[in-house]
PDB file of N, CA and C in Angstrom:
ATOM      1  N   MET A   1       0.835  -1.171   0.000  1.00  0.00           N
ATOM      2  CA  MET A   1       0.000   0.000   0.000  1.00  0.00           C
ATOM      3  C   MET A   1       0.888   1.244   0.000  1.00  0.00           C
ATOM      4  N   THR A   2       0.661   2.118  -0.915  1.00  0.00           N
ATOM      5  CA  THR A   2       1.439   3.346  -0.972  1.00  0.00           C
ATOM      6  C   THR A   2       0.548   4.523  -0.627  1.00  0.00           C
ATOM      7  N   THR A   3       1.139   5.444   0.069  1.00  0.00           N
ATOM      8  CA  THR A   3       0.421   6.673   0.387  1.00  0.00           C
ATOM      9  C   THR A   3       1.069   7.792  -0.393  1.00  0.00           C
ATOM     10  N   SER A   4       0.236   8.643  -0.930  1.00  0.00           N
ATOM     11  CA  SER A   4       0.777   9.753  -1.705  1.00  0.00           C
ATOM     12  C   SER A   4       0.816  11.009  -0.848  1.00  0.00           C
ATOM     13  N   THR A   5       1.855  11.768  -1.045  1.00  0.00           N
ATOM     14  CA  THR A   5       1.999  13.039  -0.362  1.00  0.00           C
ATOM     15  C   THR A   5       1.356  14.106  -1.227  1.00  0.00           C
ATOM     16  N   PRO A   6       0.527  14.964  -0.633  1.00  0.00           N
ATOM     17  CA  PRO A   6      -0.095  16.013  -1.446  1.00  0.00           C
ATOM     18  C   PRO A   6       0.961  16.959  -2.011  1.00  0.00           C
ATOM     19  N   VAL A   7       0.764  17.348  -3.235  1.00  0.00           N
ATOM     20  CA  VAL A   7       1.682  18.261  -3.905  1.00  0.00           C
ATOM     21  C   VAL A   7       1.198  19.685  -3.660  1.00  0.00           C
ATOM     22  N   VAL A   8       2.112  20.526  -3.217  1.00  0.00           N
ATOM     23  CA  VAL A   8       1.780  21.926  -2.979  1.00  0.00           C
ATOM     24  C   VAL A   8       2.394  22.736  -4.111  1.00  0.00           C
ATOM     25  N   ARG A   9       1.575  23.504  -4.780  1.00  0.00           N
ATOM     26  CA  ARG A   9       2.035  24.293  -5.922  1.00  0.00           C
ATOM     27  C   ARG A   9       1.826  25.776  -5.660  1.00  0.00           C
ATOM     28  N   GLY A  10       2.268  26.558  -6.584  1.00  0.00           N
ATOM     29  CA  GLY A  10       2.064  27.998  -6.506  1.00  0.00           C
ATOM     30  C   GLY A  10       2.956  28.637  -5.465  1.00  0.00           C
ATOM     31  N   PHE A  11       2.490  29.757  -4.937  1.00  0.00           N
ATOM     32  CA  PHE A  11       3.288  30.519  -3.983  1.00  0.00           C
ATOM     33  C   PHE A  11       3.510  29.739  -2.692  1.00  0.00           C
ATOM     34  N   ALA A  12       2.505  28.968  -2.261  1.00  0.00           N
ATOM     35  CA  ALA A  12       2.671  28.156  -1.050  1.00  0.00           C
ATOM     36  C   ALA A  12       3.801  27.150  -1.239  1.00  0.00           C
ATOM     37  N   GLY A  13       3.888  26.549  -2.404  1.00  0.00           N
ATOM     38  CA  GLY A  13       4.977  25.617  -2.686  1.00  0.00           C
ATOM     39  C   GLY A  13       6.332  26.309  -2.676  1.00  0.00           C
ATOM     40  N   PHE A  14       6.380  27.524  -3.223  1.00  0.00           N
ATOM     41  CA  PHE A  14       7.616  28.305  -3.205  1.00  0.00           C
ATOM     42  C   PHE A  14       8.037  28.612  -1.776  1.00  0.00           C
ATOM     43  N   VAL A  15       7.081  29.039  -0.945  1.00  0.00           N
ATOM     44  CA  VAL A  15       7.383  29.356   0.450  1.00  0.00           C
ATOM     45  C   VAL A  15       7.911  28.120   1.176  1.00  0.00           C
ATOM     46  N   LEU A  16       7.298  26.969   0.930  1.00  0.00           N
ATOM     47  CA  LEU A  16       7.761  25.740   1.582  1.00  0.00           C
ATOM     48  C   LEU A  16       9.148  25.329   1.088  1.00  0.00           C
ATOM     49  N   ALA A  17       9.443  25.568  -0.177  1.00  0.00           N
ATOM     50  CA  ALA A  17      10.786  25.269  -0.694  1.00  0.00           C
ATOM     51  C   ALA A  17      11.830  26.175  -0.035  1.00  0.00           C
ATOM     52  N   VAL A  18      11.500  27.453   0.100  1.00  0.00           N
ATOM     53  CA  VAL A  18      12.410  28.381   0.775  1.00  0.00           C
ATOM     54  C   VAL A  18      12.569  27.979   2.236  1.00  0.00           C
ATOM     55  N   ARG A  19      11.494  27.532   2.857  1.00  0.00           N
ATOM     56  CA  ARG A  19      11.578  27.090   4.247  1.00  0.00           C
ATOM     57  C   ARG A  19      12.552  25.925   4.384  1.00  0.00           C
ATOM     58  N   PHE A  20      12.469  24.968   3.472  1.00  0.00           N
ATOM     59  CA  PHE A  20      13.376  23.834   3.512  1.00  0.00           C
ATOM     60  C   PHE A  20      14.826  24.310   3.389  1.00  0.00           C
ATOM     61  N   LEU A  21      15.065  25.245   2.482  1.00  0.00           N
ATOM     62  CA  LEU A  21      16.416  25.776   2.309  1.00  0.00           C
ATOM     63  C   LEU A  21      16.895  26.529   3.555  1.00  0.00           C
ATOM     64  N   THR A  22      15.993  27.249   4.212  1.00  0.00           N
ATOM     65  CA  THR A  22      16.399  27.949   5.437  1.00  0.00           C
ATOM     66  C   THR A  22      16.675  26.960   6.561  1.00  0.00           C
ATOM     67  N   GLU A  23      15.947  25.848   6.595  1.00  0.00           N
ATOM     68  CA  GLU A  23      16.243  24.809   7.596  1.00  0.00           C
ATOM     69  C   GLU A  23      17.650  24.253   7.379  1.00  0.00           C
ATOM     70  N   LEU A  24      17.988  23.981   6.128  1.00  0.00           N
ATOM     71  CA  LEU A  24      19.332  23.491   5.823  1.00  0.00           C
ATOM     72  C   LEU A  24      20.384  24.544   6.168  1.00  0.00           C
ATOM     73  N   ALA A  25      20.097  25.803   5.871  1.00  0.00           N
ATOM     74  CA  ALA A  25      21.030  26.883   6.187  1.00  0.00           C
ATOM     75  C   ALA A  25      21.200  27.027   7.698  1.00  0.00           C
ATOM     76  N   LEU A  26      20.124  26.826   8.449  1.00  0.00           N
ATOM     77  CA  LEU A  26      20.204  26.862   9.906  1.00  0.00           C
ATOM     78  C   LEU A  26      21.187  25.806  10.405  1.00  0.00           C
ATOM     79  N   LEU A  27      21.041  24.588   9.912  1.00  0.00           N
ATOM     80  CA  LEU A  27      21.932  23.504  10.334  1.00  0.00           C
ATOM     81  C   LEU A  27      23.372  23.786   9.913  1.00  0.00           C
ATOM     82  N   ALA A  28      23.553  24.273   8.698  1.00  0.00           N
ATOM     83  CA  ALA A  28      24.904  24.596   8.219  1.00  0.00           C
ATOM     84  C   ALA A  28      25.519  25.731   9.039  1.00  0.00           C
ATOM     85  N   GLY A  29      24.716  26.747   9.328  1.00  0.00           N
ATOM     86  CA  GLY A  29      25.218  27.865  10.127  1.00  0.00           C
ATOM     87  C   GLY A  29      25.631  27.439  11.518  1.00  0.00           C
ATOM     88  N   LEU A  30      24.842  26.577  12.127  1.00  0.00           N
ATOM     89  CA  LEU A  30      25.200  26.069  13.453  1.00  0.00           C
ATOM     90  C   LEU A  30      26.454  25.205  13.393  1.00  0.00           C
ATOM     91  N   ALA A  31      26.611  24.440  12.329  1.00  0.00           N
ATOM     92  CA  ALA A  31      27.809  23.614  12.178  1.00  0.00           C
ATOM     93  C   ALA A  31      29.052  24.502  12.034  1.00  0.00           C
ATOM     94  N   VAL A  32      28.954  25.534  11.218  1.00  0.00           N
ATOM     95  CA  VAL A  32      30.083  26.445  11.024  1.00  0.00           C
ATOM     96  C   VAL A  32      30.418  27.157  12.335  1.00  0.00           C
ATOM     97  N   ALA A  33      29.402  27.678  13.013  1.00  0.00           N
ATOM     98  CA  ALA A  33      29.647  28.375  14.275  1.00  0.00           C
ATOM     99  C   ALA A  33      30.225  27.421  15.311  1.00  0.00           C
ATOM    100  N   GLY A  34      29.680  26.217  15.392  1.00  0.00           N
ATOM    101  CA  GLY A  34      30.192  25.238  16.343  1.00  0.00           C
ATOM    102  C   GLY A  34      31.644  24.890  16.064  1.00  0.00           C
ATOM    103  N   ALA A  35      31.990  24.776  14.803  1.00  0.00           N
ATOM    104  CA  ALA A  35      33.368  24.456  14.434  1.00  0.00           C
ATOM    105  C   ALA A  35      34.314  25.614  14.724  1.00  0.00           C
ATOM    106  N   ARG A  36      33.868  26.835  14.506  1.00  0.00           N
ATOM    107  CA  ARG A  36      34.749  27.994  14.691  1.00  0.00           C
ATOM    108  C   ARG A  36      34.903  28.387  16.149  1.00  0.00           C
ATOM    109  N   LEU A  37      33.943  27.991  16.990  1.00  0.00           N
ATOM    110  CA  LEU A  37      33.984  28.404  18.394  1.00  0.00           C
ATOM    111  C   LEU A  37      34.473  27.303  19.330  1.00  0.00           C
ATOM    112  N   GLY A  38      34.904  26.185  18.779  1.00  0.00           N
ATOM    113  CA  GLY A  38      35.287  25.043  19.602  1.00  0.00           C
ATOM    114  C   GLY A  38      36.505  25.252  20.474  1.00  0.00           C
ATOM    115  N   GLY A  39      37.531  25.888  19.973  1.00  0.00           N
ATOM    116  CA  GLY A  39      38.707  26.126  20.780  1.00  0.00           C
ATOM    117  C   GLY A  39      39.777  25.049  20.649  1.00  0.00           C
ATOM    118  N   GLY A  40      39.620  24.147  19.764  1.00  0.00           N
ATOM    119  CA  GLY A  40      40.586  23.077  19.521  1.00  0.00           C
ATOM    120  C   GLY A  40      39.986  22.121  18.511  1.00  0.00           C
ATOM    121  N   VAL A  41      40.807  21.304  17.909  1.00  0.00           N
ATOM    122  CA  VAL A  41      40.318  20.441  16.835  1.00  0.00           C
ATOM    123  C   VAL A  41      39.192  19.534  17.316  1.00  0.00           C
ATOM    124  N   LEU A  42      39.373  18.879  18.443  1.00  0.00           N
ATOM    125  CA  LEU A  42      38.343  17.975  18.942  1.00  0.00           C
ATOM    126  C   LEU A  42      37.054  18.733  19.272  1.00  0.00           C
ATOM    127  N   LEU A  43      37.177  19.864  19.947  1.00  0.00           N
ATOM    128  CA  LEU A  43      35.989  20.650  20.287  1.00  0.00           C
ATOM    129  C   LEU A  43      35.351  21.270  19.051  1.00  0.00           C
ATOM    130  N   ASP A  44      36.154  21.592  18.047  1.00  0.00           N
ATOM    131  CA  ASP A  44      35.599  22.094  16.782  1.00  0.00           C
ATOM    132  C   ASP A  44      34.706  21.034  16.144  1.00  0.00           C
ATOM    133  N   ILE A  45      35.187  19.805  16.121  1.00  0.00           N
ATOM    134  CA  ILE A  45      34.412  18.710  15.524  1.00  0.00           C
ATOM    135  C   ILE A  45      33.157  18.439  16.337  1.00  0.00           C
ATOM    136  N   VAL A  46      33.292  18.402  17.646  1.00  0.00           N
ATOM    137  CA  VAL A  46      32.130  18.164  18.515  1.00  0.00           C
ATOM    138  C   VAL A  46      31.094  19.261  18.339  1.00  0.00           C
ATOM    139  N   GLY A  47      31.523  20.511  18.311  1.00  0.00           N
ATOM    140  CA  GLY A  47      30.602  21.634  18.117  1.00  0.00           C
ATOM    141  C   GLY A  47      29.925  21.589  16.760  1.00  0.00           C
ATOM    142  N   ALA A  48      30.693  21.242  15.740  1.00  0.00           N
ATOM    143  CA  ALA A  48      30.148  21.178  14.374  1.00  0.00           C
ATOM    144  C   ALA A  48      29.109  20.074  14.235  1.00  0.00           C
ATOM    145  N   VAL A  49      29.170  19.082  15.075  1.00  0.00           N
ATOM    146  CA  VAL A  49      28.206  17.975  15.016  1.00  0.00           C
ATOM    147  C   VAL A  49      27.050  18.192  15.988  1.00  0.00           C
ATOM    148  N   LEU A  50      27.359  18.557  17.220  1.00  0.00           N
ATOM    149  CA  LEU A  50      26.318  18.622  18.243  1.00  0.00           C
ATOM    150  C   LEU A  50      25.384  19.821  18.114  1.00  0.00           C
ATOM    151  N   TRP A  51      25.897  20.981  17.723  1.00  0.00           N
ATOM    152  CA  TRP A  51      25.023  22.153  17.615  1.00  0.00           C
ATOM    153  C   TRP A  51      23.908  21.937  16.595  1.00  0.00           C
ATOM    154  N   PRO A  52      24.221  21.516  15.363  1.00  0.00           N
ATOM    155  CA  PRO A  52      23.126  21.270  14.425  1.00  0.00           C
ATOM    156  C   PRO A  52      22.286  20.055  14.810  1.00  0.00           C
ATOM    157  N   ALA A  53      22.889  19.074  15.457  1.00  0.00           N
ATOM    158  CA  ALA A  53      22.117  17.905  15.891  1.00  0.00           C
ATOM    159  C   ALA A  53      21.067  18.317  16.921  1.00  0.00           C
ATOM    160  N   PHE A  54      21.440  19.191  17.838  1.00  0.00           N
ATOM    161  CA  PHE A  54      20.500  19.695  18.842  1.00  0.00           C
ATOM    162  C   PHE A  54      19.326  20.408  18.173  1.00  0.00           C
ATOM    163  N   ALA A  55      19.622  21.271  17.211  1.00  0.00           N
ATOM    164  CA  ALA A  55      18.563  21.992  16.491  1.00  0.00           C
ATOM    165  C   ALA A  55      17.689  21.021  15.698  1.00  0.00           C
ATOM    166  N   ALA A  56      18.308  20.022  15.069  1.00  0.00           N
ATOM    167  CA  ALA A  56      17.547  19.049  14.280  1.00  0.00           C
ATOM    168  C   ALA A  56      16.618  18.228  15.160  1.00  0.00           C
ATOM    169  N   VAL A  57      17.055  17.882  16.350  1.00  0.00           N
ATOM    170  CA  VAL A  57      16.196  17.123  17.267  1.00  0.00           C
ATOM    171  C   VAL A  57      14.990  17.966  17.675  1.00  0.00           C
ATOM    172  N   ILE A  58      15.218  19.215  18.027  1.00  0.00           N
ATOM    173  CA  ILE A  58      14.100  20.094  18.394  1.00  0.00           C
ATOM    174  C   ILE A  58      13.131  20.219  17.223  1.00  0.00           C
ATOM    175  N   TRP A  59      13.675  20.465  16.030  1.00  0.00           N
ATOM    176  CA  TRP A  59      12.829  20.630  14.847  1.00  0.00           C
ATOM    177  C   TRP A  59      12.021  19.362  14.590  1.00  0.00           C
ATOM    178  N   THR A  60      12.676  18.231  14.656  1.00  0.00           N
ATOM    179  CA  THR A  60      12.025  16.951  14.366  1.00  0.00           C
ATOM    180  C   THR A  60      10.942  16.612  15.377  1.00  0.00           C
ATOM    181  N   LEU A  61      11.174  16.906  16.631  1.00  0.00           N
ATOM    182  CA  LEU A  61      10.229  16.509  17.677  1.00  0.00           C
ATOM    183  C   LEU A  61       9.042  17.446  17.829  1.00  0.00           C
ATOM    184  N   VAL A  62       9.235  18.752  17.633  1.00  0.00           N
ATOM    185  CA  VAL A  62       8.141  19.671  17.962  1.00  0.00           C
ATOM    186  C   VAL A  62       7.777  20.701  16.893  1.00  0.00           C
ATOM    187  N   ILE A  63       8.568  20.833  15.819  1.00  0.00           N
ATOM    188  CA  ILE A  63       8.273  21.852  14.816  1.00  0.00           C
ATOM    189  C   ILE A  63       7.809  21.253  13.497  1.00  0.00           C
ATOM    190  N   ALA A  64       8.431  20.188  13.066  1.00  0.00           N
ATOM    191  CA  ALA A  64       8.149  19.596  11.753  1.00  0.00           C
ATOM    192  C   ALA A  64       6.672  19.217  11.606  1.00  0.00           C
ATOM    193  N   PRO A  65       6.155  19.267  10.372  1.00  0.00           N
ATOM    194  CA  PRO A  65       4.743  18.930  10.157  1.00  0.00           C
ATOM    195  C   PRO A  65       4.346  17.543  10.663  1.00  0.00           C
ATOM    196  N   ARG A  66       5.262  16.605  10.619  1.00  0.00           N
ATOM    197  CA  ARG A  66       4.960  15.245  11.097  1.00  0.00           C
ATOM    198  C   ARG A  66       5.613  14.950  12.441  1.00  0.00           C
ATOM    199  N   ALA A  67       5.876  15.981  13.229  1.00  0.00           N
ATOM    200  CA  ALA A  67       6.530  15.822  14.521  1.00  0.00           C
ATOM    201  C   ALA A  67       5.671  14.994  15.462  1.00  0.00           C
ATOM    202  N   LYS A  68       6.333  14.186  16.255  1.00  0.00           N
ATOM    203  CA  LYS A  68       5.621  13.312  17.190  1.00  0.00           C
ATOM    204  C   LYS A  68       4.856  14.127  18.231  1.00  0.00           C
ATOM    205  N   TRP A  69       5.486  15.172  18.739  1.00  0.00           N
ATOM    206  CA  TRP A  69       4.843  16.031  19.731  1.00  0.00           C
ATOM    207  C   TRP A  69       4.783  17.454  19.204  1.00  0.00           C
ATOM    208  N   ARG A  70       4.143  17.651  18.074  1.00  0.00           N
ATOM    209  CA  ARG A  70       4.117  18.963  17.420  1.00  0.00           C
ATOM    210  C   ARG A  70       3.478  20.013  18.327  1.00  0.00           C
ATOM    211  N   SER A  71       4.213  21.083  18.536  1.00  0.00           N
ATOM    212  CA  SER A  71       3.730  22.172  19.379  1.00  0.00           C
ATOM    213  C   SER A  71       2.658  22.964  18.646  1.00  0.00           C
ATOM    214  N   PRO A  72       1.732  23.551  19.395  1.00  0.00           N
ATOM    215  CA  PRO A  72       0.720  24.411  18.764  1.00  0.00           C
ATOM    216  C   PRO A  72       1.319  25.776  18.453  1.00  0.00           C
ATOM    217  N   GLU A  73       0.624  26.524  17.620  1.00  0.00           N
ATOM    218  CA  GLU A  73       1.014  27.913  17.377  1.00  0.00           C
ATOM    219  C   GLU A  73       0.572  28.722  18.590  1.00  0.00           C
ATOM    220  N   PRO A  74       1.219  29.733  19.013  1.00  0.00           N
ATOM    221  CA  PRO A  74       2.427  30.348  18.481  1.00  0.00           C
ATOM    222  C   PRO A  74       3.722  29.751  19.044  1.00  0.00           C
ATOM    223  N   THR A  75       3.624  28.713  19.858  1.00  0.00           N
ATOM    224  CA  THR A  75       4.826  28.109  20.439  1.00  0.00           C
ATOM    225  C   THR A  75       5.792  27.640  19.355  1.00  0.00           C
ATOM    226  N   ARG A  76       5.252  27.017  18.321  1.00  0.00           N
ATOM    227  CA  ARG A  76       6.090  26.513  17.234  1.00  0.00           C
ATOM    228  C   ARG A  76       6.845  27.657  16.552  1.00  0.00           C
ATOM    229  N   PHE A  77       6.152  28.763  16.307  1.00  0.00           N
ATOM    230  CA  PHE A  77       6.811  29.920  15.698  1.00  0.00           C
ATOM    231  C   PHE A  77       7.901  30.466  16.612  1.00  0.00           C
ATOM    232  N   MET A  78       7.627  30.537  17.900  1.00  0.00           N
ATOM    233  CA  MET A  78       8.612  31.065  18.842  1.00  0.00           C
ATOM    234  C   MET A  78       9.848  30.167  18.909  1.00  0.00           C
ATOM    235  N   LEU A  79       9.659  28.855  18.798  1.00  0.00           N
ATOM    236  CA  LEU A  79      10.803  27.942  18.775  1.00  0.00           C
ATOM    237  C   LEU A  79      11.642  28.154  17.524  1.00  0.00           C
ATOM    238  N   GLU A  80      10.988  28.313  16.376  1.00  0.00           N
ATOM    239  CA  GLU A  80      11.721  28.596  15.141  1.00  0.00           C
ATOM    240  C   GLU A  80      12.470  29.917  15.270  1.00  0.00           C
ATOM    241  N   PHE A  81      11.792  30.924  15.782  1.00  0.00           N
ATOM    242  CA  PHE A  81      12.406  32.238  15.990  1.00  0.00           C
ATOM    243  C   PHE A  81      13.653  32.085  16.854  1.00  0.00           C
ATOM    244  N   ALA A  82      13.529  31.356  17.953  1.00  0.00           N
ATOM    245  CA  ALA A  82      14.653  31.170  18.878  1.00  0.00           C
ATOM    246  C   ALA A  82      15.817  30.433  18.217  1.00  0.00           C
ATOM    247  N   LEU A  83      15.534  29.407  17.435  1.00  0.00           N
ATOM    248  CA  LEU A  83      16.604  28.668  16.768  1.00  0.00           C
ATOM    249  C   LEU A  83      17.364  29.553  15.782  1.00  0.00           C
ATOM    250  N   PHE A  84      16.636  30.319  14.982  1.00  0.00           N
ATOM    251  CA  PHE A  84      17.300  31.201  14.022  1.00  0.00           C
ATOM    252  C   PHE A  84      18.054  32.329  14.736  1.00  0.00           C
ATOM    253  N   ALA A  85      17.483  32.846  15.813  1.00  0.00           N
ATOM    254  CA  ALA A  85      18.170  33.897  16.574  1.00  0.00           C
ATOM    255  C   ALA A  85      19.440  33.351  17.224  1.00  0.00           C
ATOM    256  N   MET A  86      19.366  32.147  17.790  1.00  0.00           N
ATOM    257  CA  MET A  86      20.558  31.550  18.401  1.00  0.00           C
ATOM    258  C   MET A  86      21.640  31.289  17.364  1.00  0.00           C
ATOM    259  N   ALA A  87      21.238  30.844  16.181  1.00  0.00           N
ATOM    260  CA  ALA A  87      22.217  30.624  15.116  1.00  0.00           C
ATOM    261  C   ALA A  87      22.868  31.943  14.716  1.00  0.00           C
ATOM    262  N   ALA A  88      22.085  33.013  14.640  1.00  0.00           N
ATOM    263  CA  ALA A  88      22.633  34.327  14.294  1.00  0.00           C
ATOM    264  C   ALA A  88      23.613  34.807  15.356  1.00  0.00           C
ATOM    265  N   ILE A  89      23.269  34.603  16.618  1.00  0.00           N
ATOM    266  CA  ILE A  89      24.165  35.005  17.708  1.00  0.00           C
ATOM    267  C   ILE A  89      25.457  34.190  17.665  1.00  0.00           C
ATOM    268  N   ALA A  90      25.330  32.893  17.424  1.00  0.00           N
ATOM    269  CA  ALA A  90      26.516  32.033  17.340  1.00  0.00           C
ATOM    270  C   ALA A  90      27.394  32.415  16.153  1.00  0.00           C
ATOM    271  N   LEU A  91      26.781  32.699  15.013  1.00  0.00           N
ATOM    272  CA  LEU A  91      27.563  33.119  13.845  1.00  0.00           C
ATOM    273  C   LEU A  91      28.241  34.457  14.097  1.00  0.00           C
ATOM    274  N   ASN A  92      27.573  35.365  14.778  1.00  0.00           N
ATOM    275  CA  ASN A  92      28.184  36.635  15.138  1.00  0.00           C
ATOM    276  C   ASN A  92      29.394  36.398  16.037  1.00  0.00           C
ATOM    277  N   ALA A  93      29.246  35.533  17.032  1.00  0.00           N
ATOM    278  CA  ALA A  93      30.361  35.222  17.931  1.00  0.00           C
ATOM    279  C   ALA A  93      31.519  34.573  17.175  1.00  0.00           C
ATOM    280  N   ALA A  94      31.202  33.889  16.081  1.00  0.00           N
ATOM    281  CA  ALA A  94      32.232  33.239  15.270  1.00  0.00           C
ATOM    282  C   ALA A  94      32.834  34.187  14.240  1.00  0.00           C
ATOM    283  N   GLY A  95      32.425  35.455  14.272  1.00  0.00           N
ATOM    284  CA  GLY A  95      32.986  36.431  13.359  1.00  0.00           C
ATOM    285  C   GLY A  95      32.260  36.540  12.028  1.00  0.00           C
ATOM    286  N   LEU A  96      31.067  36.003  11.951  1.00  0.00           N
ATOM    287  CA  LEU A  96      30.298  36.026  10.706  1.00  0.00           C
ATOM    288  C   LEU A  96      28.993  36.798  10.907  1.00  0.00           C
ATOM    289  N   LEU A  97      29.119  38.059  11.264  1.00  0.00           N
ATOM    290  CA  LEU A  97      27.965  38.890  11.590  1.00  0.00           C
ATOM    291  C   LEU A  97      26.959  38.967  10.456  1.00  0.00           C
ATOM    292  N   LEU A  98      27.409  39.296   9.256  1.00  0.00           N
ATOM    293  CA  LEU A  98      26.495  39.460   8.129  1.00  0.00           C
ATOM    294  C   LEU A  98      25.772  38.156   7.799  1.00  0.00           C
ATOM    295  N   VAL A  99      26.488  37.052   7.834  1.00  0.00           N
ATOM    296  CA  VAL A  99      25.865  35.748   7.581  1.00  0.00           C
ATOM    297  C   VAL A  99      24.790  35.473   8.620  1.00  0.00           C
ATOM    298  N   GLY A 100      25.086  35.760   9.875  1.00  0.00           N
ATOM    299  CA  GLY A 100      24.118  35.549  10.945  1.00  0.00           C
ATOM    300  C   GLY A 100      22.879  36.406  10.775  1.00  0.00           C
ATOM    301  N   ILE A 101      23.065  37.659  10.412  1.00  0.00           N
ATOM    302  CA  ILE A 101      21.923  38.555  10.215  1.00  0.00           C
ATOM    303  C   ILE A 101      21.053  38.068   9.063  1.00  0.00           C
ATOM    304  N   VAL A 102      21.686  37.725   7.949  1.00  0.00           N
ATOM    305  CA  VAL A 102      20.925  37.252   6.785  1.00  0.00           C
ATOM    306  C   VAL A 102      20.164  35.972   7.130  1.00  0.00           C
ATOM    307  N   LEU A 103      20.816  35.034   7.797  1.00  0.00           N
ATOM    308  CA  LEU A 103      20.157  33.789   8.178  1.00  0.00           C
ATOM    309  C   LEU A 103      18.956  34.060   9.071  1.00  0.00           C
ATOM    310  N   ALA A 104      19.126  34.910  10.070  1.00  0.00           N
ATOM    311  CA  ALA A 104      18.026  35.199  10.988  1.00  0.00           C
ATOM    312  C   ALA A 104      16.864  35.892  10.269  1.00  0.00           C
ATOM    313  N   VAL A 105      17.165  36.893   9.474  1.00  0.00           N
ATOM    314  CA  VAL A 105      16.102  37.649   8.801  1.00  0.00           C
ATOM    315  C   VAL A 105      15.337  36.752   7.825  1.00  0.00           C
ATOM    316  N   VAL A 106      16.066  36.023   6.991  1.00  0.00           N
ATOM    317  CA  VAL A 106      15.399  35.169   6.001  1.00  0.00           C
ATOM    318  C   VAL A 106      14.671  34.017   6.681  1.00  0.00           C
ATOM    319  N   GLY A 107      15.286  33.400   7.686  1.00  0.00           N
ATOM    320  CA  GLY A 107      14.656  32.282   8.381  1.00  0.00           C
ATOM    321  C   GLY A 107      13.392  32.681   9.117  1.00  0.00           C
ATOM    322  N   ILE A 108      13.444  33.785   9.834  1.00  0.00           N
ATOM    323  CA  ILE A 108      12.275  34.236  10.597  1.00  0.00           C
ATOM    324  C   ILE A 108      11.187  34.741   9.655  1.00  0.00           C
ATOM    325  N   ALA A 109      11.568  35.457   8.612  1.00  0.00           N
ATOM    326  CA  ALA A 109      10.573  35.923   7.634  1.00  0.00           C
ATOM    327  C   ALA A 109       9.900  34.740   6.944  1.00  0.00           C
ATOM    328  N   THR A 110      10.670  33.719   6.637  1.00  0.00           N
ATOM    329  CA  THR A 110      10.091  32.533   6.008  1.00  0.00           C
ATOM    330  C   THR A 110       9.165  31.804   6.974  1.00  0.00           C
ATOM    331  N   ALA A 111       9.551  31.722   8.237  1.00  0.00           N
ATOM    332  CA  ALA A 111       8.679  31.090   9.237  1.00  0.00           C
ATOM    333  C   ALA A 111       7.349  31.826   9.325  1.00  0.00           C
ATOM    334  N   ALA A 112       7.390  33.143   9.261  1.00  0.00           N
ATOM    335  CA  ALA A 112       6.148  33.926   9.278  1.00  0.00           C
ATOM    336  C   ALA A 112       5.353  33.701   7.994  1.00  0.00           C
ATOM    337  N   ALA A 113       6.039  33.666   6.859  1.00  0.00           N
ATOM    338  CA  ALA A 113       5.351  33.463   5.575  1.00  0.00           C
ATOM    339  C   ALA A 113       4.671  32.102   5.512  1.00  0.00           C
ATOM    340  N   VAL A 114       5.272  31.097   6.118  1.00  0.00           N
ATOM    341  CA  VAL A 114       4.654  29.764   6.138  1.00  0.00           C
ATOM    342  C   VAL A 114       3.317  29.828   6.860  1.00  0.00           C
ATOM    343  N   ARG A 115       3.249  30.598   7.922  1.00  0.00           N
ATOM    344  CA  ARG A 115       1.998  30.694   8.686  1.00  0.00           C
ATOM    345  C   ARG A 115       0.906  31.424   7.911  1.00  0.00           C
ATOM    346  N   VAL A 116       1.297  32.263   6.963  1.00  0.00           N
ATOM    347  CA  VAL A 116       0.330  33.024   6.188  1.00  0.00           C
ATOM    348  C   VAL A 116      -0.062  32.287   4.911  1.00  0.00           C
ATOM    349  N   PHE A 117       0.917  31.753   4.187  1.00  0.00           N
ATOM    350  CA  PHE A 117       0.664  31.224   2.855  1.00  0.00           C
ATOM    351  C   PHE A 117       0.605  29.702   2.773  1.00  0.00           C
ATOM    352  N   ALA A 118       1.128  28.994   3.748  1.00  0.00           N
ATOM    353  CA  ALA A 118       1.151  27.522   3.700  1.00  0.00           C
ATOM    354  C   ALA A 118       0.793  26.965   5.059  1.00  0.00           C
ATOM    355  N   LYS A 119      -0.362  27.344   5.573  1.00  0.00           N
ATOM    356  CA  LYS A 119      -0.786  26.943   6.909  1.00  0.00           C
ATOM    357  C   LYS A 119      -0.831  25.429   7.050  1.00  0.00           C
ATOM    358  N   ASP A 120      -0.566  24.972   8.278  1.00  0.00           N
ATOM    359  CA  ASP A 120      -0.606  23.554   8.648  1.00  0.00           C
ATOM    360  C   ASP A 120       0.420  22.733   7.900  1.00  0.00           C
ATOM    361  N   ARG A 121       1.528  23.311   7.554  1.00  0.00           N
ATOM    362  CA  ARG A 121       2.601  22.552   6.885  1.00  0.00           C
ATOM    363  C   ARG A 121       3.864  22.664   7.690  1.00  0.00           C
TER     364      ARG A 121
END
């Protein structure tokens, strides 16, 4: 038995595609910040792995559309906001201020756009 996933088209599909890209950028940004702020090779590797893993676990458990314990709105939005803000702060601490600002602005704006144009996704 196969189940089909509904196809989202139009602007809602575009917003969801951008959201996916911002999720990947969030994980990449946390990996870069974790690696740059480690203070040694071993800590760089640990930071590059654990920081994005922590964010991915939170996203998977309470933010993702198929999350086991999906949080209600506005809690879910606030968690996304916090993750992108923390990534921006970490990137700033790692010397990548502009990257952090862009990630936070695009990530948070996309999170808001999802609530307007692609509800319940």
